[in-house]
């Protein structure tokens, strides 16, 4: 009853290797992408902190921009980043824009960071 079929030999091994290769590609992509996304997330938190401090202490919006300029290297923000501090509706706002290339084998992904941090309305000094 058990006839060996020569055309089915090795098919499980090939599928396994294909799944492992796809899995390893996904892990490597995450290895390259996740640190950049995490640094951007932490930098957003820092931006929010500085606009809230500027609003509560009565500092000018430029102060928050200066603090972010000082923190560029610590948060791996490129030197080409555009930092725009403004004051709108009695709130302090800081907008940061930059693009960071993430190089995958055979492809370069451009991570675009464009975030505006606004101070909380109830923290403003009148």
PDB file of N, CA and C in Angstrom:
ATOM      1  N   UNK A   1       0.799  -1.205   0.000  1.00  0.00           N
ATOM      2  CA  UNK A   1       0.000   0.000   0.000  1.00  0.00           C
ATOM      3  C   UNK A   1       0.842   1.269   0.000  1.00  0.00           C
ATOM      4  N   UNK A   2       1.942   1.292   0.714  1.00  0.00           N
ATOM      5  CA  UNK A   2       2.785   2.484   0.770  1.00  0.00           C
ATOM      6  C   UNK A   2       3.708   2.535  -0.435  1.00  0.00           C
ATOM      7  N   UNK A   3       3.299   3.252  -1.408  1.00  0.00           N
ATOM      8  CA  UNK A   3       4.151   3.453  -2.570  1.00  0.00           C
ATOM      9  C   UNK A   3       4.887   4.770  -2.397  1.00  0.00           C
ATOM     10  N   UNK A   4       6.164   4.747  -2.644  1.00  0.00           N
ATOM     11  CA  UNK A   4       6.927   5.985  -2.582  1.00  0.00           C
ATOM     12  C   UNK A   4       6.701   6.763  -3.861  1.00  0.00           C
ATOM     13  N   UNK A   5       6.425   8.011  -3.697  1.00  0.00           N
ATOM     14  CA  UNK A   5       6.217   8.872  -4.854  1.00  0.00           C
ATOM     15  C   UNK A   5       7.446   9.758  -4.995  1.00  0.00           C
ATOM     16  N   UNK A   6       8.152   9.581  -6.033  1.00  0.00           N
ATOM     17  CA  UNK A   6       9.414  10.296  -6.199  1.00  0.00           C
ATOM     18  C   UNK A   6       9.208  11.790  -6.424  1.00  0.00           C
ATOM     19  N   UNK A   7       8.080  12.185  -6.938  1.00  0.00           N
ATOM     20  CA  UNK A   7       7.855  13.606  -7.192  1.00  0.00           C
ATOM     21  C   UNK A   7       7.495  14.384  -5.927  1.00  0.00           C
ATOM     22  N   UNK A   8       7.237  13.731  -4.820  1.00  0.00           N
ATOM     23  CA  UNK A   8       6.880  14.415  -3.583  1.00  0.00           C
ATOM     24  C   UNK A   8       8.028  14.453  -2.579  1.00  0.00           C
ATOM     25  N   UNK A   9       9.136  13.871  -2.919  1.00  0.00           N
ATOM     26  CA  UNK A   9      10.263  13.852  -1.994  1.00  0.00           C
ATOM     27  C   UNK A   9      10.845  15.253  -1.835  1.00  0.00           C
ATOM     28  N   UNK A  10      11.096  15.642  -0.596  1.00  0.00           N
ATOM     29  CA  UNK A  10      11.742  16.918  -0.326  1.00  0.00           C
ATOM     30  C   UNK A  10      10.817  18.110  -0.344  1.00  0.00           C
ATOM     31  N   UNK A  11       9.554  17.942  -0.585  1.00  0.00           N
ATOM     32  CA  UNK A  11       8.655  19.098  -0.664  1.00  0.00           C
ATOM     33  C   UNK A  11       8.471  19.749   0.706  1.00  0.00           C
ATOM     34  N   UNK A  12       8.458  18.980   1.770  1.00  0.00           N
ATOM     35  CA  UNK A  12       8.320  19.558   3.108  1.00  0.00           C
ATOM     36  C   UNK A  12       9.578  20.343   3.477  1.00  0.00           C
ATOM     37  N   UNK A  13      10.721  19.849   3.088  1.00  0.00           N
ATOM     38  CA  UNK A  13      11.973  20.526   3.380  1.00  0.00           C
ATOM     39  C   UNK A  13      12.029  21.872   2.646  1.00  0.00           C
ATOM     40  N   UNK A  14      11.605  21.889   1.403  1.00  0.00           N
ATOM     41  CA  UNK A  14      11.612  23.124   0.620  1.00  0.00           C
ATOM     42  C   UNK A  14      10.663  24.155   1.225  1.00  0.00           C
ATOM     43  N   UNK A  15       9.487  23.727   1.632  1.00  0.00           N
ATOM     44  CA  UNK A  15       8.526  24.645   2.260  1.00  0.00           C
ATOM     45  C   UNK A  15       9.073  25.183   3.579  1.00  0.00           C
ATOM     46  N   UNK A  16       9.708  24.313   4.347  1.00  0.00           N
ATOM     47  CA  UNK A  16      10.290  24.740   5.615  1.00  0.00           C
ATOM     48  C   UNK A  16      11.377  25.787   5.388  1.00  0.00           C
ATOM     49  N   UNK A  17      12.263  25.543   4.441  1.00  0.00           N
ATOM     50  CA  UNK A  17      13.328  26.498   4.154  1.00  0.00           C
ATOM     51  C   UNK A  17      12.771  27.822   3.643  1.00  0.00           C
ATOM     52  N   UNK A  18      11.716  27.771   2.860  1.00  0.00           N
ATOM     53  CA  UNK A  18      11.079  28.989   2.364  1.00  0.00           C
ATOM     54  C   UNK A  18      10.467  29.788   3.515  1.00  0.00           C
ATOM     55  N   UNK A  19       9.789  29.124   4.423  1.00  0.00           N
ATOM     56  CA  UNK A  19       9.192  29.796   5.579  1.00  0.00           C
ATOM     57  C   UNK A  19      10.280  30.382   6.478  1.00  0.00           C
ATOM     58  N   UNK A  20      11.350  29.652   6.706  1.00  0.00           N
ATOM     59  CA  UNK A  20      12.451  30.150   7.532  1.00  0.00           C
ATOM     60  C   UNK A  20      13.100  31.364   6.877  1.00  0.00           C
ATOM     61  N   UNK A  21      13.281  31.327   5.560  1.00  0.00           N
ATOM     62  CA  UNK A  21      13.883  32.466   4.856  1.00  0.00           C
ATOM     63  C   UNK A  21      13.000  33.706   4.967  1.00  0.00           C
ATOM     64  N   UNK A  22      11.704  33.548   4.803  1.00  0.00           N
ATOM     65  CA  UNK A  22      10.774  34.682   4.931  1.00  0.00           C
ATOM     66  C   UNK A  22      10.783  35.208   6.362  1.00  0.00           C
ATOM     67  N   UNK A  23      10.796  34.305   7.327  1.00  0.00           N
ATOM     68  CA  UNK A  23      10.829  34.711   8.728  1.00  0.00           C
ATOM     69  C   UNK A  23      12.111  35.483   9.051  1.00  0.00           C
ATOM     70  N   UNK A  24      13.242  35.004   8.572  1.00  0.00           N
ATOM     71  CA  UNK A  24      14.513  35.688   8.825  1.00  0.00           C
ATOM     72  C   UNK A  24      14.558  37.061   8.152  1.00  0.00           C
ATOM     73  N   UNK A  25      13.965  37.182   6.981  1.00  0.00           N
ATOM     74  CA  UNK A  25      13.896  38.497   6.316  1.00  0.00           C
ATOM     75  C   UNK A  25      13.056  39.468   7.139  1.00  0.00           C
ATOM     76  N   UNK A  26      11.943  38.989   7.679  1.00  0.00           N
ATOM     77  CA  UNK A  26      11.088  39.844   8.507  1.00  0.00           C
ATOM     78  C   UNK A  26      11.812  40.256   9.795  1.00  0.00           C
ATOM     79  N   UNK A  27      12.527  39.335  10.410  1.00  0.00           N
ATOM     80  CA  UNK A  27      13.274  39.648  11.631  1.00  0.00           C
ATOM     81  C   UNK A  27      14.374  40.665  11.337  1.00  0.00           C
ATOM     82  N   UNK A  28      15.070  40.506  10.235  1.00  0.00           N
ATOM     83  CA  UNK A  28      16.139  41.441   9.875  1.00  0.00           C
ATOM     84  C   UNK A  28      15.565  42.829   9.572  1.00  0.00           C
ATOM     85  N   UNK A  29      14.431  42.869   8.891  1.00  0.00           N
ATOM     86  CA  UNK A  29      13.763  44.151   8.632  1.00  0.00           C
ATOM     87  C   UNK A  29      13.364  44.840   9.926  1.00  0.00           C
ATOM     88  N   UNK A  30      12.839  44.082  10.868  1.00  0.00           N
ATOM     89  CA  UNK A  30      12.503  44.643  12.173  1.00  0.00           C
ATOM     90  C   UNK A  30      13.731  45.109  12.925  1.00  0.00           C
ATOM     91  N   UNK A  31      14.825  44.376  12.778  1.00  0.00           N
ATOM     92  CA  UNK A  31      16.091  44.742  13.419  1.00  0.00           C
ATOM     93  C   UNK A  31      16.589  46.099  12.923  1.00  0.00           C
ATOM     94  N   UNK A  32      16.352  46.405  11.669  1.00  0.00           N
ATOM     95  CA  UNK A  32      16.772  47.686  11.112  1.00  0.00           C
ATOM     96  C   UNK A  32      15.762  48.800  11.384  1.00  0.00           C
ATOM     97  N   UNK A  33      14.466  48.481  11.354  1.00  0.00           N
ATOM     98  CA  UNK A  33      13.424  49.503  11.430  1.00  0.00           C
ATOM     99  C   UNK A  33      13.067  49.896  12.866  1.00  0.00           C
ATOM    100  N   UNK A  34      12.965  48.942  13.753  1.00  0.00           N
ATOM    101  CA  UNK A  34      12.466  49.198  15.111  1.00  0.00           C
ATOM    102  C   UNK A  34      13.314  50.215  15.879  1.00  0.00           C
ATOM    103  N   UNK A  35      14.644  50.176  15.840  1.00  0.00           N
ATOM    104  CA  UNK A  35      15.404  51.213  16.567  1.00  0.00           C
ATOM    105  C   UNK A  35      15.129  52.629  16.065  1.00  0.00           C
ATOM    106  N   UNK A  36      14.947  52.801  14.764  1.00  0.00           N
ATOM    107  CA  UNK A  36      14.669  54.127  14.209  1.00  0.00           C
ATOM    108  C   UNK A  36      13.286  54.598  14.659  1.00  0.00           C
ATOM    109  N   UNK A  37      12.305  53.706  14.605  1.00  0.00           N
ATOM    110  CA  UNK A  37      10.954  54.066  15.034  1.00  0.00           C
ATOM    111  C   UNK A  37      10.914  54.354  16.533  1.00  0.00           C
ATOM    112  N   UNK A  38      11.663  53.601  17.326  1.00  0.00           N
ATOM    113  CA  UNK A  38      11.695  53.833  18.771  1.00  0.00           C
ATOM    114  C   UNK A  38      12.328  55.184  19.097  1.00  0.00           C
ATOM    115  N   UNK A  39      13.435  55.521  18.437  1.00  0.00           N
ATOM    116  CA  UNK A  39      14.076  56.818  18.671  1.00  0.00           C
ATOM    117  C   UNK A  39      13.132  57.957  18.297  1.00  0.00           C
ATOM    118  N   UNK A  40      12.363  57.784  17.227  1.00  0.00           N
ATOM    119  CA  UNK A  40      11.399  58.813  16.832  1.00  0.00           C
ATOM    120  C   UNK A  40      10.309  58.952  17.893  1.00  0.00           C
ATOM    121  N   UNK A  41       9.847  57.837  18.440  1.00  0.00           N
ATOM    122  CA  UNK A  41       8.821  57.867  19.483  1.00  0.00           C
ATOM    123  C   UNK A  41       9.333  58.595  20.729  1.00  0.00           C
ATOM    124  N   UNK A  42      10.551  58.302  21.128  1.00  0.00           N
ATOM    125  CA  UNK A  42      11.132  58.936  22.313  1.00  0.00           C
ATOM    126  C   UNK A  42      11.371  60.427  22.059  1.00  0.00           C
ATOM    127  N   UNK A  43      11.757  60.777  20.832  1.00  0.00           N
ATOM    128  CA  UNK A  43      11.974  62.184  20.500  1.00  0.00           C
ATOM    129  C   UNK A  43      10.650  62.952  20.522  1.00  0.00           C
ATOM    130  N   UNK A  44       9.556  62.317  20.108  1.00  0.00           N
ATOM    131  CA  UNK A  44       8.234  62.958  20.196  1.00  0.00           C
ATOM    132  C   UNK A  44       7.895  63.273  21.651  1.00  0.00           C
ATOM    133  N   UNK A  45       8.202  62.347  22.539  1.00  0.00           N
ATOM    134  CA  UNK A  45       7.955  62.563  23.961  1.00  0.00           C
ATOM    135  C   UNK A  45       8.793  63.724  24.487  1.00  0.00           C
ATOM    136  N   UNK A  46      10.038  63.811  24.057  1.00  0.00           N
ATOM    137  CA  UNK A  46      10.906  64.915  24.455  1.00  0.00           C
ATOM    138  C   UNK A  46      10.362  66.246  23.934  1.00  0.00           C
ATOM    139  N   UNK A  47       9.871  66.255  22.707  1.00  0.00           N
ATOM    140  CA  UNK A  47       9.285  67.470  22.140  1.00  0.00           C
ATOM    141  C   UNK A  47       8.113  67.942  22.989  1.00  0.00           C
ATOM    142  N   UNK A  48       7.241  67.004  23.360  1.00  0.00           N
ATOM    143  CA  UNK A  48       6.080  67.358  24.178  1.00  0.00           C
ATOM    144  C   UNK A  48       6.521  67.898  25.530  1.00  0.00           C
ATOM    145  N   UNK A  49       7.536  67.311  26.110  1.00  0.00           N
ATOM    146  CA  UNK A  49       8.054  67.783  27.396  1.00  0.00           C
ATOM    147  C   UNK A  49       8.524  69.230  27.295  1.00  0.00           C
ATOM    148  N   UNK A  50       9.308  69.535  26.268  1.00  0.00           N
ATOM    149  CA  UNK A  50       9.856  70.887  26.144  1.00  0.00           C
ATOM    150  C   UNK A  50       8.785  71.933  25.847  1.00  0.00           C
ATOM    151  N   UNK A  51       7.767  71.604  25.064  1.00  0.00           N
ATOM    152  CA  UNK A  51       6.723  72.612  24.820  1.00  0.00           C
ATOM    153  C   UNK A  51       5.892  72.832  26.076  1.00  0.00           C
ATOM    154  N   UNK A  52       5.675  71.787  26.859  1.00  0.00           N
ATOM    155  CA  UNK A  52       4.939  71.963  28.114  1.00  0.00           C
ATOM    156  C   UNK A  52       5.743  72.798  29.114  1.00  0.00           C
ATOM    157  N   UNK A  53       7.044  72.560  29.201  1.00  0.00           N
ATOM    158  CA  UNK A  53       7.890  73.356  30.098  1.00  0.00           C
ATOM    159  C   UNK A  53       7.917  74.808  29.641  1.00  0.00           C
ATOM    160  N   UNK A  54       8.046  75.034  28.343  1.00  0.00           N
ATOM    161  CA  UNK A  54       8.071  76.405  27.824  1.00  0.00           C
ATOM    162  C   UNK A  54       6.761  77.124  28.122  1.00  0.00           C
ATOM    163  N   UNK A  55       5.646  76.419  28.024  1.00  0.00           N
ATOM    164  CA  UNK A  55       4.349  77.048  28.286  1.00  0.00           C
ATOM    165  C   UNK A  55       4.170  77.360  29.770  1.00  0.00           C
ATOM    166  N   UNK A  56       4.561  76.443  30.641  1.00  0.00           N
ATOM    167  CA  UNK A  56       4.337  76.659  32.074  1.00  0.00           C
ATOM    168  C   UNK A  56       5.313  77.662  32.673  1.00  0.00           C
ATOM    169  N   UNK A  57       6.527  77.713  32.160  1.00  0.00           N
ATOM    170  CA  UNK A  57       7.534  78.618  32.708  1.00  0.00           C
ATOM    171  C   UNK A  57       7.532  79.982  32.032  1.00  0.00           C
ATOM    172  N   UNK A  58       6.738  80.139  31.005  1.00  0.00           N
ATOM    173  CA  UNK A  58       6.658  81.422  30.317  1.00  0.00           C
ATOM    174  C   UNK A  58       7.815  81.690  29.374  1.00  0.00           C
ATOM    175  N   UNK A  59       8.516  80.635  28.935  1.00  0.00           N
ATOM    176  CA  UNK A  59       9.615  80.810  27.989  1.00  0.00           C
ATOM    177  C   UNK A  59       9.068  81.063  26.593  1.00  0.00           C
ATOM    178  N   UNK A  60       9.894  81.640  25.756  1.00  0.00           N
ATOM    179  CA  UNK A  60       9.528  81.848  24.359  1.00  0.00           C
ATOM    180  C   UNK A  60       9.608  80.504  23.626  1.00  0.00           C
ATOM    181  N   UNK A  61       8.873  80.361  22.519  1.00  0.00           N
ATOM    182  CA  UNK A  61       8.936  79.101  21.764  1.00  0.00           C
ATOM    183  C   UNK A  61      10.346  78.755  21.281  1.00  0.00           C
ATOM    184  N   UNK A  62      11.165  79.771  21.046  1.00  0.00           N
ATOM    185  CA  UNK A  62      12.536  79.512  20.585  1.00  0.00           C
ATOM    186  C   UNK A  62      13.332  78.714  21.618  1.00  0.00           C
ATOM    187  N   UNK A  63      12.994  78.840  22.896  1.00  0.00           N
ATOM    188  CA  UNK A  63      13.692  78.085  23.937  1.00  0.00           C
ATOM    189  C   UNK A  63      13.512  76.585  23.715  1.00  0.00           C
ATOM    190  N   UNK A  64      12.282  76.175  23.402  1.00  0.00           N
ATOM    191  CA  UNK A  64      12.024  74.753  23.155  1.00  0.00           C
ATOM    192  C   UNK A  64      12.808  74.272  21.940  1.00  0.00           C
ATOM    193  N   UNK A  65      12.886  75.112  20.907  1.00  0.00           N
ATOM    194  CA  UNK A  65      13.666  74.751  19.729  1.00  0.00           C
ATOM    195  C   UNK A  65      15.140  74.599  20.041  1.00  0.00           C
ATOM    196  N   UNK A  66      15.670  75.484  20.881  1.00  0.00           N
ATOM    197  CA  UNK A  66      17.081  75.396  21.269  1.00  0.00           C
ATOM    198  C   UNK A  66      17.358  74.118  22.060  1.00  0.00           C
ATOM    199  N   UNK A  67      16.445  73.759  22.941  1.00  0.00           N
ATOM    200  CA  UNK A  67      16.629  72.539  23.730  1.00  0.00           C
ATOM    201  C   UNK A  67      16.622  71.306  22.829  1.00  0.00           C
ATOM    202  N   UNK A  68      15.757  71.315  21.822  1.00  0.00           N
ATOM    203  CA  UNK A  68      15.718  70.186  20.894  1.00  0.00           C
ATOM    204  C   UNK A  68      16.983  70.129  20.040  1.00  0.00           C
ATOM    205  N   UNK A  69      17.518  71.290  19.678  1.00  0.00           N
ATOM    206  CA  UNK A  69      18.782  71.316  18.932  1.00  0.00           C
ATOM    207  C   UNK A  69      19.907  70.690  19.747  1.00  0.00           C
ATOM    208  N   UNK A  70      19.920  70.952  21.042  1.00  0.00           N
ATOM    209  CA  UNK A  70      20.948  70.383  21.916  1.00  0.00           C
ATOM    210  C   UNK A  70      20.815  68.866  22.033  1.00  0.00           C
ATOM    211  N   UNK A  71      19.596  68.356  21.872  1.00  0.00           N
ATOM    212  CA  UNK A  71      19.334  66.929  22.056  1.00  0.00           C
ATOM    213  C   UNK A  71      19.404  66.125  20.763  1.00  0.00           C
ATOM    214  N   UNK A  72      19.751  66.752  19.664  1.00  0.00           N
ATOM    215  CA  UNK A  72      19.762  66.060  18.368  1.00  0.00           C
ATOM    216  C   UNK A  72      20.628  64.808  18.369  1.00  0.00           C
ATOM    217  N   UNK A  73      21.851  64.925  18.834  1.00  0.00           N
ATOM    218  CA  UNK A  73      22.765  63.790  18.746  1.00  0.00           C
ATOM    219  C   UNK A  73      22.352  62.648  19.670  1.00  0.00           C
ATOM    220  N   UNK A  74      21.813  62.987  20.818  1.00  0.00           N
ATOM    221  CA  UNK A  74      21.403  61.953  21.771  1.00  0.00           C
ATOM    222  C   UNK A  74      20.267  61.096  21.225  1.00  0.00           C
ATOM    223  N   UNK A  75      19.401  61.691  20.424  1.00  0.00           N
ATOM    224  CA  UNK A  75      18.244  60.978  19.883  1.00  0.00           C
ATOM    225  C   UNK A  75      18.424  60.617  18.413  1.00  0.00           C
ATOM    226  N   UNK A  76      19.646  60.699  17.921  1.00  0.00           N
ATOM    227  CA  UNK A  76      19.999  60.280  16.565  1.00  0.00           C
ATOM    228  C   UNK A  76      19.163  60.990  15.494  1.00  0.00           C
ATOM    229  N   UNK A  77      18.940  62.284  15.708  1.00  0.00           N
ATOM    230  CA  UNK A  77      18.220  63.109  14.739  1.00  0.00           C
ATOM    231  C   UNK A  77      19.257  63.665  13.769  1.00  0.00           C
ATOM    232  N   UNK A  78      19.000  63.592  12.459  1.00  0.00           N
ATOM    233  CA  UNK A  78      19.984  64.095  11.493  1.00  0.00           C
ATOM    234  C   UNK A  78      20.204  65.601  11.617  1.00  0.00           C
ATOM    235  N   UNK A  79      21.367  66.035  11.196  1.00  0.00           N
ATOM    236  CA  UNK A  79      21.700  67.463  11.239  1.00  0.00           C
ATOM    237  C   UNK A  79      20.830  68.278  10.291  1.00  0.00           C
ATOM    238  N   UNK A  80      20.247  67.626   9.305  1.00  0.00           N
ATOM    239  CA  UNK A  80      19.415  68.325   8.324  1.00  0.00           C
ATOM    240  C   UNK A  80      17.981  68.525   8.805  1.00  0.00           C
ATOM    241  N   UNK A  81      17.694  68.155  10.040  1.00  0.00           N
ATOM    242  CA  UNK A  81      16.329  68.283  10.570  1.00  0.00           C
ATOM    243  C   UNK A  81      15.920  69.750  10.634  1.00  0.00           C
ATOM    244  N   UNK A  82      14.656  69.996  10.321  1.00  0.00           N
ATOM    245  CA  UNK A  82      14.102  71.348  10.368  1.00  0.00           C
ATOM    246  C   UNK A  82      13.273  71.463  11.642  1.00  0.00           C
ATOM    247  N   UNK A  83      13.660  72.377  12.526  1.00  0.00           N
ATOM    248  CA  UNK A  83      12.949  72.600  13.786  1.00  0.00           C
ATOM    249  C   UNK A  83      12.318  73.980  13.718  1.00  0.00           C
ATOM    250  N   UNK A  84      10.974  74.016  13.839  1.00  0.00           N
ATOM    251  CA  UNK A  84      10.235  75.267  13.705  1.00  0.00           C
ATOM    252  C   UNK A  84       9.419  75.529  14.966  1.00  0.00           C
ATOM    253  N   UNK A  85       9.898  76.365  15.883  1.00  0.00           N
ATOM    254  CA  UNK A  85       9.104  76.720  17.063  1.00  0.00           C
ATOM    255  C   UNK A  85       8.188  77.905  16.747  1.00  0.00           C
ATOM    256  N   UNK A  86       6.935  77.823  17.184  1.00  0.00           N
ATOM    257  CA  UNK A  86       5.976  78.910  16.974  1.00  0.00           C
ATOM    258  C   UNK A  86       5.080  79.040  18.192  1.00  0.00           C
ATOM    259  N   UNK A  87       4.325  80.129  18.202  1.00  0.00           N
ATOM    260  CA  UNK A  87       3.316  80.342  19.229  1.00  0.00           C
ATOM    261  C   UNK A  87       1.997  80.589  18.511  1.00  0.00           C
ATOM    262  N   UNK A  88       0.985  79.799  18.835  1.00  0.00           N
ATOM    263  CA  UNK A  88      -0.300  79.911  18.171  1.00  0.00           C
ATOM    264  C   UNK A  88      -1.410  79.663  19.195  1.00  0.00           C
ATOM    265  N   UNK A  89      -2.379  80.545  19.236  1.00  0.00           N
ATOM    266  CA  UNK A  89      -3.530  80.420  20.149  1.00  0.00           C
ATOM    267  C   UNK A  89      -3.087  80.285  21.605  1.00  0.00           C
ATOM    268  N   UNK A  90      -2.140  81.108  22.021  1.00  0.00           N
ATOM    269  CA  UNK A  90      -1.594  81.081  23.386  1.00  0.00           C
ATOM    270  C   UNK A  90      -1.000  79.721  23.753  1.00  0.00           C
ATOM    271  N   UNK A  91      -0.507  79.013  22.767  1.00  0.00           N
ATOM    272  CA  UNK A  91       0.129  77.720  22.988  1.00  0.00           C
ATOM    273  C   UNK A  91       1.498  77.720  22.320  1.00  0.00           C
ATOM    274  N   UNK A  92       2.399  76.964  22.875  1.00  0.00           N
ATOM    275  CA  UNK A  92       3.726  76.803  22.284  1.00  0.00           C
ATOM    276  C   UNK A  92       3.684  75.567  21.390  1.00  0.00           C
ATOM    277  N   UNK A  93       4.189  75.710  20.171  1.00  0.00           N
ATOM    278  CA  UNK A  93       4.240  74.594  19.232  1.00  0.00           C
ATOM    279  C   UNK A  93       5.650  74.467  18.675  1.00  0.00           C
ATOM    280  N   UNK A  94       6.079  73.238  18.498  1.00  0.00           N
ATOM    281  CA  UNK A  94       7.364  72.967  17.855  1.00  0.00           C
ATOM    282  C   UNK A  94       7.127  71.871  16.823  1.00  0.00           C
ATOM    283  N   UNK A  95       7.544  72.162  15.588  1.00  0.00           N
ATOM    284  CA  UNK A  95       7.428  71.181  14.512  1.00  0.00           C
ATOM    285  C   UNK A  95       8.829  70.749  14.103  1.00  0.00           C
ATOM    286  N   UNK A  96       9.022  69.444  14.016  1.00  0.00           N
ATOM    287  CA  UNK A  96      10.309  68.890  13.597  1.00  0.00           C
ATOM    288  C   UNK A  96      10.066  67.998  12.386  1.00  0.00           C
ATOM    289  N   UNK A  97      10.893  68.209  11.367  1.00  0.00           N
ATOM    290  CA  UNK A  97      10.796  67.424  10.142  1.00  0.00           C
ATOM    291  C   UNK A  97      12.185  66.913   9.764  1.00  0.00           C
ATOM    292  N   UNK A  98      12.252  65.635   9.443  1.00  0.00           N
ATOM    293  CA  UNK A  98      13.484  65.077   8.889  1.00  0.00           C
ATOM    294  C   UNK A  98      13.180  63.754   8.212  1.00  0.00           C
ATOM    295  N   UNK A  99      14.100  63.350   7.376  1.00  0.00           N
ATOM    296  CA  UNK A  99      14.015  62.066   6.689  1.00  0.00           C
ATOM    297  C   UNK A  99      15.277  61.288   7.009  1.00  0.00           C
ATOM    298  N   UNK A 100      15.081  60.020   7.355  1.00  0.00           N
ATOM    299  CA  UNK A 100      16.220  59.183   7.721  1.00  0.00           C
ATOM    300  C   UNK A 100      16.188  57.915   6.863  1.00  0.00           C
ATOM    301  N   UNK A 101      17.236  57.656   6.111  1.00  0.00           N
ATOM    302  CA  UNK A 101      17.245  56.448   5.274  1.00  0.00           C
ATOM    303  C   UNK A 101      17.543  55.196   6.104  1.00  0.00           C
ATOM    304  N   UNK A 102      16.776  54.144   5.832  1.00  0.00           N
ATOM    305  CA  UNK A 102      17.020  52.833   6.433  1.00  0.00           C
ATOM    306  C   UNK A 102      17.379  51.912   5.273  1.00  0.00           C
ATOM    307  N   UNK A 103      18.586  51.407   5.275  1.00  0.00           N
ATOM    308  CA  UNK A 103      19.076  50.634   4.139  1.00  0.00           C
ATOM    309  C   UNK A 103      18.864  49.141   4.363  1.00  0.00           C
ATOM    310  N   UNK A 104      17.935  48.589   3.593  1.00  0.00           N
ATOM    311  CA  UNK A 104      17.720  47.156   3.529  1.00  0.00           C
ATOM    312  C   UNK A 104      18.548  46.626   2.357  1.00  0.00           C
ATOM    313  N   UNK A 105      18.832  45.352   2.325  1.00  0.00           N
ATOM    314  CA  UNK A 105      19.561  44.816   1.163  1.00  0.00           C
ATOM    315  C   UNK A 105      18.732  44.996  -0.114  1.00  0.00           C
ATOM    316  N   UNK A 106      19.242  45.784  -1.020  1.00  0.00           N
ATOM    317  CA  UNK A 106      18.560  45.996  -2.290  1.00  0.00           C
ATOM    318  C   UNK A 106      17.501  47.078  -2.275  1.00  0.00           C
ATOM    319  N   UNK A 107      17.248  47.708  -1.130  1.00  0.00           N
ATOM    320  CA  UNK A 107      16.198  48.719  -1.051  1.00  0.00           C
ATOM    321  C   UNK A 107      16.524  49.692   0.082  1.00  0.00           C
ATOM    322  N   UNK A 108      16.295  50.969  -0.163  1.00  0.00           N
ATOM    323  CA  UNK A 108      16.490  51.984   0.870  1.00  0.00           C
ATOM    324  C   UNK A 108      15.144  52.610   1.192  1.00  0.00           C
ATOM    325  N   UNK A 109      14.709  52.456   2.438  1.00  0.00           N
ATOM    326  CA  UNK A 109      13.435  53.011   2.886  1.00  0.00           C
ATOM    327  C   UNK A 109      13.693  54.375   3.514  1.00  0.00           C
ATOM    328  N   UNK A 110      12.908  55.358   3.132  1.00  0.00           N
ATOM    329  CA  UNK A 110      13.024  56.706   3.691  1.00  0.00           C
ATOM    330  C   UNK A 110      12.020  56.846   4.839  1.00  0.00           C
ATOM    331  N   UNK A 111      12.515  56.900   6.067  1.00  0.00           N
ATOM    332  CA  UNK A 111      11.656  57.094   7.231  1.00  0.00           C
ATOM    333  C   UNK A 111      11.402  58.590   7.373  1.00  0.00           C
ATOM    334  N   UNK A 112      10.153  59.002   7.191  1.00  0.00           N
ATOM    335  CA  UNK A 112       9.785  60.419   7.267  1.00  0.00           C
ATOM    336  C   UNK A 112       9.247  60.737   8.651  1.00  0.00           C
ATOM    337  N   UNK A 113       9.865  61.698   9.298  1.00  0.00           N
ATOM    338  CA  UNK A 113       9.426  62.167  10.611  1.00  0.00           C
ATOM    339  C   UNK A 113       8.913  63.583  10.435  1.00  0.00           C
ATOM    340  N   UNK A 114       7.652  63.795  10.746  1.00  0.00           N
ATOM    341  CA  UNK A 114       7.037  65.121  10.676  1.00  0.00           C
ATOM    342  C   UNK A 114       6.025  65.185  11.813  1.00  0.00           C
ATOM    343  N   UNK A 115       6.397  65.848  12.889  1.00  0.00           N
ATOM    344  CA  UNK A 115       5.549  65.870  14.076  1.00  0.00           C
ATOM    345  C   UNK A 115       5.509  67.278  14.645  1.00  0.00           C
ATOM    346  N   UNK A 116       4.324  67.676  15.081  1.00  0.00           N
ATOM    347  CA  UNK A 116       4.141  68.967  15.734  1.00  0.00           C
ATOM    348  C   UNK A 116       3.677  68.721  17.160  1.00  0.00           C
ATOM    349  N   UNK A 117       4.466  69.168  18.121  1.00  0.00           N
ATOM    350  CA  UNK A 117       4.104  69.056  19.535  1.00  0.00           C
ATOM    351  C   UNK A 117       3.480  70.378  19.963  1.00  0.00           C
ATOM    352  N   UNK A 118       2.305  70.288  20.595  1.00  0.00           N
ATOM    353  CA  UNK A 118       1.588  71.477  21.060  1.00  0.00           C
ATOM    354  C   UNK A 118       1.451  71.397  22.575  1.00  0.00           C
ATOM    355  N   UNK A 119       1.682  72.525  23.221  1.00  0.00           N
ATOM    356  CA  UNK A 119       1.534  72.537  24.674  1.00  0.00           C
ATOM    357  C   UNK A 119       0.069  72.348  25.037  1.00  0.00           C
ATOM    358  N   UNK A 120      -0.151  71.788  26.189  1.00  0.00           N
ATOM    359  CA  UNK A 120      -1.504  71.572  26.667  1.00  0.00           C
ATOM    360  C   UNK A 120      -2.124  72.914  27.018  1.00  0.00           C
ATOM    361  N   UNK A 121      -3.383  73.100  26.655  1.00  0.00           N
ATOM    362  CA  UNK A 121      -4.031  74.406  26.795  1.00  0.00           C
ATOM    363  C   UNK A 121      -4.130  74.859  28.250  1.00  0.00           C
ATOM    364  N   UNK A 122      -4.360  73.942  29.180  1.00  0.00           N
ATOM    365  CA  UNK A 122      -4.553  74.362  30.572  1.00  0.00           C
ATOM    366  C   UNK A 122      -3.238  74.672  31.287  1.00  0.00           C
ATOM    367  N   UNK A 123      -2.100  74.437  30.638  1.00  0.00           N
ATOM    368  CA  UNK A 123      -0.810  74.729  31.263  1.00  0.00           C
ATOM    369  C   UNK A 123      -0.313  76.141  30.989  1.00  0.00           C
ATOM    370  N   UNK A 124      -0.979  76.866  30.135  1.00  0.00           N
ATOM    371  CA  UNK A 124      -0.489  78.186  29.732  1.00  0.00           C
ATOM    372  C   UNK A 124      -0.612  79.205  30.850  1.00  0.00           C
ATOM    373  N   UNK A 125       0.383  80.087  30.919  1.00  0.00           N
ATOM    374  CA  UNK A 125       0.356  81.193  31.874  1.00  0.00           C
ATOM    375  C   UNK A 125      -0.325  82.363  31.194  1.00  0.00           C
ATOM    376  N   UNK A 126      -1.280  82.974  31.862  1.00  0.00           N
ATOM    377  CA  UNK A 126      -2.022  84.075  31.240  1.00  0.00           C
ATOM    378  C   UNK A 126      -1.532  85.389  31.749  1.00  0.00           C
TER     379      UNK A 126
END
